[in-house]
Protein backbone atom coordinates (compact mmCIF):
# COMPACT_ATOMS: atom_id res chain seq x y z
CA UNK A 1 -3.06 -21.54 2.99
CA UNK A 2 -2.88 -21.88 -0.79
CA UNK A 3 -0.23 -24.28 -2.09
CA UNK A 4 -0.18 -22.75 -5.57
CA UNK A 5 0.41 -19.29 -6.97
CA UNK A 6 -1.18 -20.00 -10.35
CA UNK A 7 -4.52 -18.50 -11.24
CA UNK A 8 -7.32 -20.88 -10.21
CA UNK A 9 -9.33 -20.19 -13.36
CA UNK A 10 -6.27 -20.88 -15.51
CA UNK A 11 -5.67 -24.16 -13.68
CA UNK A 12 -9.18 -25.35 -14.59
CA UNK A 13 -8.96 -23.96 -18.12
CA UNK A 14 -11.68 -21.37 -17.43
CA UNK A 15 -12.10 -17.62 -17.48
CA UNK A 16 -13.24 -15.40 -14.63
CA UNK A 17 -17.01 -15.44 -14.31
CA UNK A 18 -17.40 -19.15 -15.13
CA UNK A 19 -20.61 -20.70 -13.80
CA UNK A 20 -20.79 -23.38 -11.11
CA UNK A 21 -21.73 -25.99 -13.72
CA UNK A 22 -18.75 -25.02 -15.88
CA UNK A 23 -16.43 -25.25 -12.87
CA UNK A 24 -17.76 -28.70 -11.95
CA UNK A 25 -17.60 -29.97 -15.54
CA UNK A 26 -14.04 -28.77 -16.04
CA UNK A 27 -12.86 -30.19 -12.72
CA UNK A 28 -14.55 -33.54 -13.34
CA UNK A 29 -12.74 -33.92 -16.66
CA UNK A 30 -9.35 -32.94 -15.25
CA UNK A 31 -9.83 -35.12 -12.16
CA UNK A 32 -10.51 -38.14 -14.35
CA UNK A 33 -7.38 -37.33 -16.37
CA UNK A 34 -5.03 -36.82 -13.41
CA UNK A 35 -6.53 -39.28 -10.92
CA UNK A 36 -3.42 -41.02 -9.49
CA UNK A 37 -5.04 -44.44 -9.87
CA UNK A 38 -5.57 -43.87 -13.59
CA UNK A 39 -2.01 -43.10 -14.69
CA UNK A 40 1.12 -45.16 -15.19
CA UNK A 41 3.37 -45.80 -12.20
CA UNK A 42 6.10 -43.46 -13.47
CA UNK A 43 3.55 -40.65 -13.79
CA UNK A 44 1.95 -40.95 -10.35
CA UNK A 45 4.02 -38.26 -8.62
CA UNK A 46 3.34 -35.70 -11.34
CA UNK A 47 -0.35 -36.69 -11.42
CA UNK A 48 -0.66 -36.28 -7.65
CA UNK A 49 0.71 -32.73 -7.84
CA UNK A 50 -1.65 -31.89 -10.67
CA UNK A 51 -4.57 -33.52 -8.88
CA UNK A 52 -3.78 -31.49 -5.78
CA UNK A 53 -3.62 -28.26 -7.78
CA UNK A 54 -6.91 -28.73 -9.64
CA UNK A 55 -8.67 -29.92 -6.46
CA UNK A 56 -7.59 -26.79 -4.60
CA UNK A 57 -8.81 -24.61 -7.48
CA UNK A 58 -12.15 -26.41 -7.51
CA UNK A 59 -12.54 -26.20 -3.71
CA UNK A 60 -12.20 -22.41 -3.87
CA UNK A 61 -14.16 -21.63 -7.05
CA UNK A 62 -17.06 -23.96 -6.20
CA UNK A 63 -17.59 -22.23 -2.85
CA UNK A 64 -19.51 -18.95 -3.17
CA UNK A 65 -17.79 -17.25 -0.21
CA UNK A 66 -14.26 -18.34 -1.14
CA UNK A 67 -14.83 -17.53 -4.82
CA UNK A 68 -15.98 -14.00 -3.95
CA UNK A 69 -12.85 -13.41 -1.87
CA UNK A 70 -10.62 -14.82 -4.62
CA UNK A 71 -12.28 -12.77 -7.36
CA UNK A 72 -11.79 -9.59 -5.32
CA UNK A 73 -8.39 -10.11 -3.69
CA UNK A 74 -6.77 -13.05 -5.52
CA UNK A 75 -4.63 -15.49 -3.55
CA UNK A 76 -4.14 -12.88 -0.81
CA UNK A 77 -7.83 -13.10 0.04
CA UNK A 78 -7.56 -16.89 0.42
CA UNK A 79 -4.16 -17.12 2.10
CA UNK A 80 -5.04 -14.57 4.78
CA UNK A 81 -8.11 -16.53 5.86
CA UNK A 82 -7.80 -20.23 5.14
CA UNK A 83 -5.42 -23.06 5.96
CA UNK A 84 -5.19 -25.96 3.51
CA UNK A 85 -7.82 -27.84 5.52
CA UNK A 86 -10.09 -24.79 5.59
CA UNK A 87 -9.85 -24.42 1.81
CA UNK A 88 -11.26 -27.92 1.32
CA UNK A 89 -13.83 -27.78 4.10
CA UNK A 90 -17.35 -27.69 2.64
CA UNK A 91 -16.32 -28.50 -0.93
CA UNK A 92 -18.66 -30.99 -2.62
CA UNK A 93 -16.39 -33.70 -4.01
CA UNK A 94 -18.86 -36.56 -3.54
CA UNK A 95 -20.97 -35.46 -6.52
CA UNK A 96 -17.84 -35.19 -8.65
CA UNK A 97 -16.39 -38.55 -7.69
CA UNK A 98 -19.61 -40.52 -7.64
CA UNK A 99 -18.20 -43.03 -10.13
CA UNK A 100 -14.64 -43.13 -8.83
CA UNK A 101 -13.44 -45.28 -5.96
CA UNK A 102 -10.97 -44.74 -3.15
CA UNK A 103 -11.46 -41.00 -3.07
CA UNK A 104 -10.99 -40.62 0.68
CA UNK A 105 -7.74 -42.56 0.53
CA UNK A 106 -6.45 -40.38 -2.30
CA UNK A 107 -7.17 -37.16 -0.43
CA UNK A 108 -5.72 -38.65 2.75
CA UNK A 109 -2.50 -39.49 0.89
CA UNK A 110 -2.15 -36.25 -1.07
CA UNK A 111 -3.41 -33.70 1.45
CA UNK A 112 -2.30 -35.35 4.68
CA UNK A 113 -5.58 -35.82 6.53
CA UNK A 114 -8.06 -33.77 4.54
CA UNK A 115 -9.42 -36.89 2.87
CA UNK A 116 -10.56 -38.52 6.09
CA UNK A 117 -12.45 -35.40 7.07
CA UNK A 118 -14.50 -35.18 3.90
CA UNK A 119 -14.83 -38.73 2.66
CA UNK A 120 -15.28 -40.56 5.93
CA UNK A 121 -12.73 -42.00 8.29
CA UNK A 122 -15.10 -44.05 10.38
CA UNK A 123 -16.27 -43.15 13.84
CA UNK A 124 -17.71 -40.05 15.35
CA UNK A 125 -16.37 -36.64 14.35
CA UNK A 126 -14.27 -34.88 16.98
CA UNK A 127 -13.87 -31.61 15.13
CA UNK A 128 -14.62 -28.60 17.27
CA UNK A 129 -17.55 -26.45 16.26
CA UNK A 130 -16.11 -23.13 15.18
CA UNK A 131 -18.34 -20.13 14.45
CA UNK A 132 -18.47 -18.26 11.17
CA UNK A 133 -16.03 -15.47 10.42
CA UNK A 134 -17.19 -11.86 10.07
CA UNK A 135 -15.97 -9.33 7.52
CA UNK A 136 -16.08 -5.58 8.03
CA UNK A 137 -14.73 -2.60 6.08
CA UNK A 138 -13.13 0.30 7.95
CA UNK A 139 -12.43 3.63 6.26
CA UNK A 140 -9.45 5.70 7.44
CA UNK A 141 -7.56 8.84 6.40
CA UNK A 142 -4.13 8.70 4.74
CA UNK A 143 -2.46 10.17 7.83
CA UNK A 144 -4.10 7.49 9.98
CA UNK A 145 -2.70 4.86 7.63
CA UNK A 146 0.73 6.46 7.88
CA UNK A 147 0.91 6.76 11.66
CA UNK A 148 -1.59 4.17 12.86
CA UNK A 149 -4.78 4.85 14.75
CA UNK A 150 -7.51 3.33 16.90
CA UNK A 151 -11.06 2.93 15.64
CA UNK A 152 -14.18 2.19 17.63
CA UNK A 153 -16.34 -0.25 15.68
CA UNK A 154 -19.72 -1.86 16.35
CA UNK A 155 -21.14 -4.96 14.72
CA UNK A 156 -23.56 -7.77 15.41
CA UNK A 157 -22.40 -11.31 16.10
CA UNK A 158 -23.75 -14.50 17.62
CA UNK A 159 -22.70 -15.02 21.26
CA UNK A 160 -23.15 -18.15 23.36
CA UNK A 161 -26.53 -18.27 25.03
CA UNK A 162 -26.32 -17.14 28.67
CA UNK A 163 -29.04 -19.61 29.69
CA UNK A 164 -27.66 -22.87 28.25
CA UNK A 165 -24.02 -21.68 27.83
CA UNK A 166 -23.95 -22.74 24.21
CA UNK A 167 -25.26 -26.28 24.58
CA UNK A 168 -28.69 -25.55 23.10
CA UNK A 169 -30.31 -27.73 25.74
CA UNK A 170 -32.64 -26.49 28.47
CA UNK A 171 -30.76 -26.43 31.80
CA UNK A 172 -31.40 -29.70 33.62
CA UNK A 173 -32.11 -31.67 30.44
CA UNK A 174 -29.65 -33.90 28.62
CA UNK A 175 -28.63 -34.89 25.11
CA UNK A 176 -29.34 -38.30 23.62
CA UNK A 177 -27.57 -40.35 20.99
CA UNK A 178 -28.61 -39.48 17.43
CA UNK A 179 -30.88 -42.18 16.04
CA UNK A 180 -30.01 -41.37 12.42
CA UNK A 181 -26.27 -42.00 12.64
CA UNK A 182 -26.32 -44.11 15.83
CA UNK A 183 -24.06 -41.63 17.56
CA UNK A 184 -21.35 -41.80 14.88
CA UNK A 185 -21.81 -38.26 13.57
CA UNK A 186 -21.60 -39.43 9.97
CA UNK A 187 -23.61 -41.55 7.57
CA UNK A 188 -21.75 -43.95 5.31
CA UNK A 189 -23.17 -44.91 1.96
CA UNK A 190 -21.99 -47.21 -0.79
CA UNK A 191 -22.21 -47.15 -4.55
CA UNK A 192 -21.57 -50.84 -5.01
CA UNK A 193 -18.43 -52.97 -4.66
CA UNK A 194 -15.65 -51.27 -2.71
CA UNK A 195 -16.74 -47.70 -3.55
CA UNK A 196 -18.11 -45.80 -0.59
CA UNK A 197 -17.97 -42.42 1.09
CA UNK A 198 -19.45 -40.79 4.15
CA UNK A 199 -21.12 -37.49 4.86
CA UNK A 200 -21.90 -35.52 8.00
CA UNK A 201 -25.14 -36.61 9.60
CA UNK A 202 -27.82 -34.04 8.61
CA UNK A 203 -29.73 -34.52 11.86
CA UNK A 204 -27.00 -33.98 14.46
CA UNK A 205 -24.54 -32.11 12.19
CA UNK A 206 -21.72 -34.45 13.14
CA UNK A 207 -22.15 -34.19 16.92
CA UNK A 208 -23.50 -37.71 17.34
CA UNK A 209 -26.01 -36.35 19.87
CA UNK A 210 -29.29 -34.48 19.66
CA UNK A 211 -31.00 -32.19 22.15
CA UNK A 212 -33.88 -33.75 24.04
CA UNK A 213 -35.37 -30.42 25.19
CA UNK A 214 -34.39 -27.16 23.54
CA UNK A 215 -33.30 -24.13 25.55
CA UNK A 216 -36.19 -21.73 26.02
CA UNK A 217 -34.01 -18.67 25.35
CA UNK A 218 -32.09 -19.60 22.20
CA UNK A 219 -34.56 -22.25 20.93
CA UNK A 220 -31.82 -24.86 20.76
CA UNK A 221 -29.42 -22.78 18.67
CA UNK A 222 -26.95 -22.39 21.55
CA UNK A 223 -26.33 -18.78 20.61
CA UNK A 224 -28.07 -15.42 20.36
CA UNK A 225 -27.41 -12.33 18.25
CA UNK A 226 -25.92 -9.40 20.13
CA UNK A 227 -24.14 -6.11 19.44
CA UNK A 228 -20.39 -6.03 19.95
CA UNK A 229 -18.39 -2.84 20.53
CA UNK A 230 -14.67 -3.09 19.92
CA UNK A 231 -11.66 -0.78 19.82
CA UNK A 232 -9.39 -1.79 16.95
CA UNK A 233 -5.75 -0.79 16.63
CA UNK A 234 -4.82 0.03 13.02
CA UNK A 235 -1.04 -0.38 12.61
CA UNK A 236 1.24 2.03 10.74
CA UNK A 237 1.63 1.40 7.02
CA UNK A 238 -1.70 -0.20 6.14
CA UNK A 239 -3.01 0.43 2.63
CA UNK A 240 -6.13 -0.18 0.57
CA UNK A 241 -6.96 -3.88 0.75
CA UNK A 242 -4.92 -4.53 3.89
CA UNK A 243 -6.65 -7.13 6.04
CA UNK A 244 -6.51 -7.28 9.82
CA UNK A 245 -7.43 -10.59 11.45
CA UNK A 246 -8.80 -10.50 14.98
CA UNK A 247 -8.94 -14.05 16.26
CA UNK A 248 -11.96 -15.12 18.24
CA UNK A 249 -14.01 -11.98 17.53
CA UNK A 250 -16.39 -13.65 15.07
CA UNK A 251 -19.56 -15.66 15.64
CA UNK A 252 -19.81 -18.26 18.38
CA UNK A 253 -20.17 -21.73 16.88
CA UNK A 254 -20.63 -24.05 19.85
CA UNK A 255 -17.02 -24.58 20.94
CA UNK A 256 -14.97 -21.75 19.49
CA UNK A 257 -15.54 -18.40 17.86
CA UNK A 258 -14.74 -17.53 14.30
CA UNK A 259 -12.50 -14.59 13.46
CA UNK A 260 -13.16 -10.97 12.54
CA UNK A 261 -11.57 -9.76 9.31
CA UNK A 262 -11.25 -6.01 8.87
CA UNK A 263 -10.65 -4.76 5.34
CA UNK A 264 -8.97 -1.37 5.23
CA UNK A 265 -10.10 1.35 2.84
CA UNK A 266 -7.88 4.47 2.77
CA UNK A 267 -9.67 7.63 1.64
CA UNK A 268 -8.06 9.79 -1.07
CA UNK A 269 -6.15 12.79 0.29
CA UNK A 270 -6.38 16.25 -1.28
CA UNK A 271 -2.67 17.02 -0.72
CA UNK A 272 -0.84 13.71 -0.94
CA UNK A 273 -0.90 10.73 -3.27
CA UNK A 274 0.47 7.41 -2.09
CA UNK A 275 2.91 5.42 -4.23
CA UNK A 276 3.77 2.30 -2.24
CA UNK A 277 5.66 3.54 0.81
CA UNK A 278 6.36 6.90 -0.82
CA UNK A 279 4.01 9.85 -1.00
CA UNK A 280 3.85 12.46 -3.75
CA UNK A 281 2.75 16.05 -3.50
CA UNK A 282 2.83 19.05 -5.81
CA UNK A 283 4.03 22.53 -4.89
CA UNK A 284 3.57 25.68 -6.96
CA UNK A 285 6.34 28.23 -7.29
CA UNK A 286 6.40 31.43 -9.35
CA UNK A 287 8.68 31.59 -12.35
CA UNK A 288 11.01 34.09 -10.68
CA UNK A 289 11.67 31.62 -7.83
CA UNK A 290 12.29 28.86 -10.37
CA UNK A 291 14.78 31.08 -12.23
CA UNK A 292 16.63 32.60 -9.25
CA UNK A 293 16.18 29.81 -6.70
CA UNK A 294 14.90 30.17 -3.15
CA UNK A 295 13.94 28.30 0.01
CA UNK A 296 10.25 27.41 0.23
CA UNK A 297 7.89 25.77 2.75
CA UNK A 298 6.75 22.29 1.78
CA UNK A 299 3.90 20.41 3.53
CA UNK A 300 4.64 16.89 4.82
CA UNK A 301 2.46 14.39 6.68
CA UNK A 302 3.73 15.84 9.96
CA UNK A 303 4.30 19.57 9.39
CA UNK A 304 5.84 22.04 6.96
CA UNK A 305 9.57 21.84 6.27
CA UNK A 306 12.03 24.09 4.42
CA UNK A 307 13.24 22.91 1.01
CA UNK A 308 15.72 24.63 -1.30
CA UNK A 309 14.67 25.28 -4.89
CA UNK A 310 17.87 25.55 -6.98
CA UNK A 311 18.21 28.32 -9.53
CA UNK A 312 17.04 27.25 -12.96
CA UNK A 313 14.56 24.64 -11.73
CA UNK A 314 12.50 23.33 -14.65
CA UNK A 315 8.74 22.57 -14.67
CA UNK A 316 7.76 19.14 -13.26
CA UNK A 317 11.15 18.64 -11.61
CA UNK A 318 10.79 16.12 -8.78
CA UNK A 319 12.72 16.50 -5.53
CA UNK A 320 12.99 13.82 -2.85
CA UNK A 321 12.67 14.28 0.91
CA UNK A 322 14.18 11.25 2.57
CA UNK A 323 12.17 9.35 5.22
CA UNK A 324 9.14 11.62 4.95
CA UNK A 325 6.89 8.90 3.54
CA UNK A 326 5.01 5.99 5.09
CA UNK A 327 6.33 3.15 7.25
CA UNK A 328 6.50 -0.20 5.47
CA UNK A 329 4.06 -2.54 7.21
CA UNK A 330 6.54 -5.44 7.21
CA UNK A 331 10.11 -4.14 7.48
CA UNK A 332 9.22 -0.83 9.22
CA UNK A 333 11.38 1.24 6.85
CA UNK A 334 10.24 4.76 6.05
CA UNK A 335 9.44 5.72 2.50
CA UNK A 336 10.23 9.11 0.98
CA UNK A 337 8.23 12.14 -0.05
CA UNK A 338 8.41 13.16 -3.70
CA UNK A 339 7.93 16.88 -4.40
CA UNK A 340 6.86 17.78 -7.92
CA UNK A 341 7.38 21.43 -8.81
CA UNK A 342 4.72 23.25 -10.80
CA UNK A 343 5.80 26.66 -12.14
CA UNK A 344 3.14 29.35 -12.18
CA UNK A 345 3.10 31.80 -15.08
CA UNK A 346 1.19 35.04 -14.40
CA UNK A 347 -1.75 35.64 -16.71
CA UNK A 348 -1.76 39.43 -16.25
CA UNK A 349 1.20 41.83 -16.08
CA UNK A 350 1.36 45.51 -15.21
CA UNK A 351 2.86 47.82 -17.80
CA UNK A 352 6.00 48.16 -15.68
CA UNK A 353 6.35 44.35 -15.30
CA UNK A 354 5.89 43.93 -19.02
CA UNK A 355 8.51 46.60 -19.80
CA UNK A 356 11.02 44.99 -17.43
CA UNK A 357 10.46 41.56 -18.97
CA UNK A 358 10.94 42.99 -22.45
CA UNK A 359 14.22 44.50 -21.34
CA UNK A 360 15.20 41.13 -19.82
CA UNK A 361 14.29 39.42 -23.10
CA UNK A 362 16.59 41.81 -24.99
CA UNK A 363 19.39 41.01 -22.59
CA UNK A 364 18.85 37.30 -23.15
CA UNK A 365 19.24 37.83 -26.91
């Protein structure tokens, strides 16, 4: 989850749409400036906070998938999907810090464990292999958003192979220690002196083992693509951009599944317009009703209700029907319905109607 509420582009001194090279260049300069080992002792705490902030911004904006989510949904798109560790996973800091030492230690100290994951902590990786997340958009009607609904969805995802049960190895065969990393899962390299960092072994992908004989069904992948049918419960109060997270419904990754993220799109309604938890609708009344007052039928999300129009009601007057709106997704309170009155003026009058109105006009004078 994001530890800052500031705009990531602003943090790096950039504008939205900055290129990858611009993001790297800006971060490199700021990282050199705020590197905790390059400031005075009395400035270390402030530098660490700044270093943490710019590193988080870089980790998001340098990752195509995270950047796309951030550009579209802001911090909400990041916070709903990633923990602090997830934000930094996959970010390429080694190319940025090629000339700076002790990077893993700095990240370990500032981020509480993230540094050892990405800059090498020695020994074989024990991180579980989690599958990729899946994103889907679901379109619903306004009334479905107001009262909740169930939607049947279908999508394709990778499931564990039924033949090898996700191992990737042909049944009866075994795995052997990776010759590239000697079973460590990571390769450590040095730049001279005490500067060094490690990266995940490209051959075994951090497992420390390689398959001796690949599964004949999945060709060693450990998973196969299959269609998934799912019934999803849409809760009351969702709105455009609401995100539902279904844990474990994403791709299979070897040990655990990723998650399924459902982005809600609420279709425009011909009768009602949503304003937060309130809804607004317009009703037309003739000018006689507006002048004399009357009781009229007003449509709500549930059914029609009676509403009194006071005598002398003016055009565009807004009345409020309490608790006729939409349930708040968090506190479960009901919004209201706002009724805007539109007064209809007849375009044609009979001779008798015209004569009566002229008499009425004389009385008014």
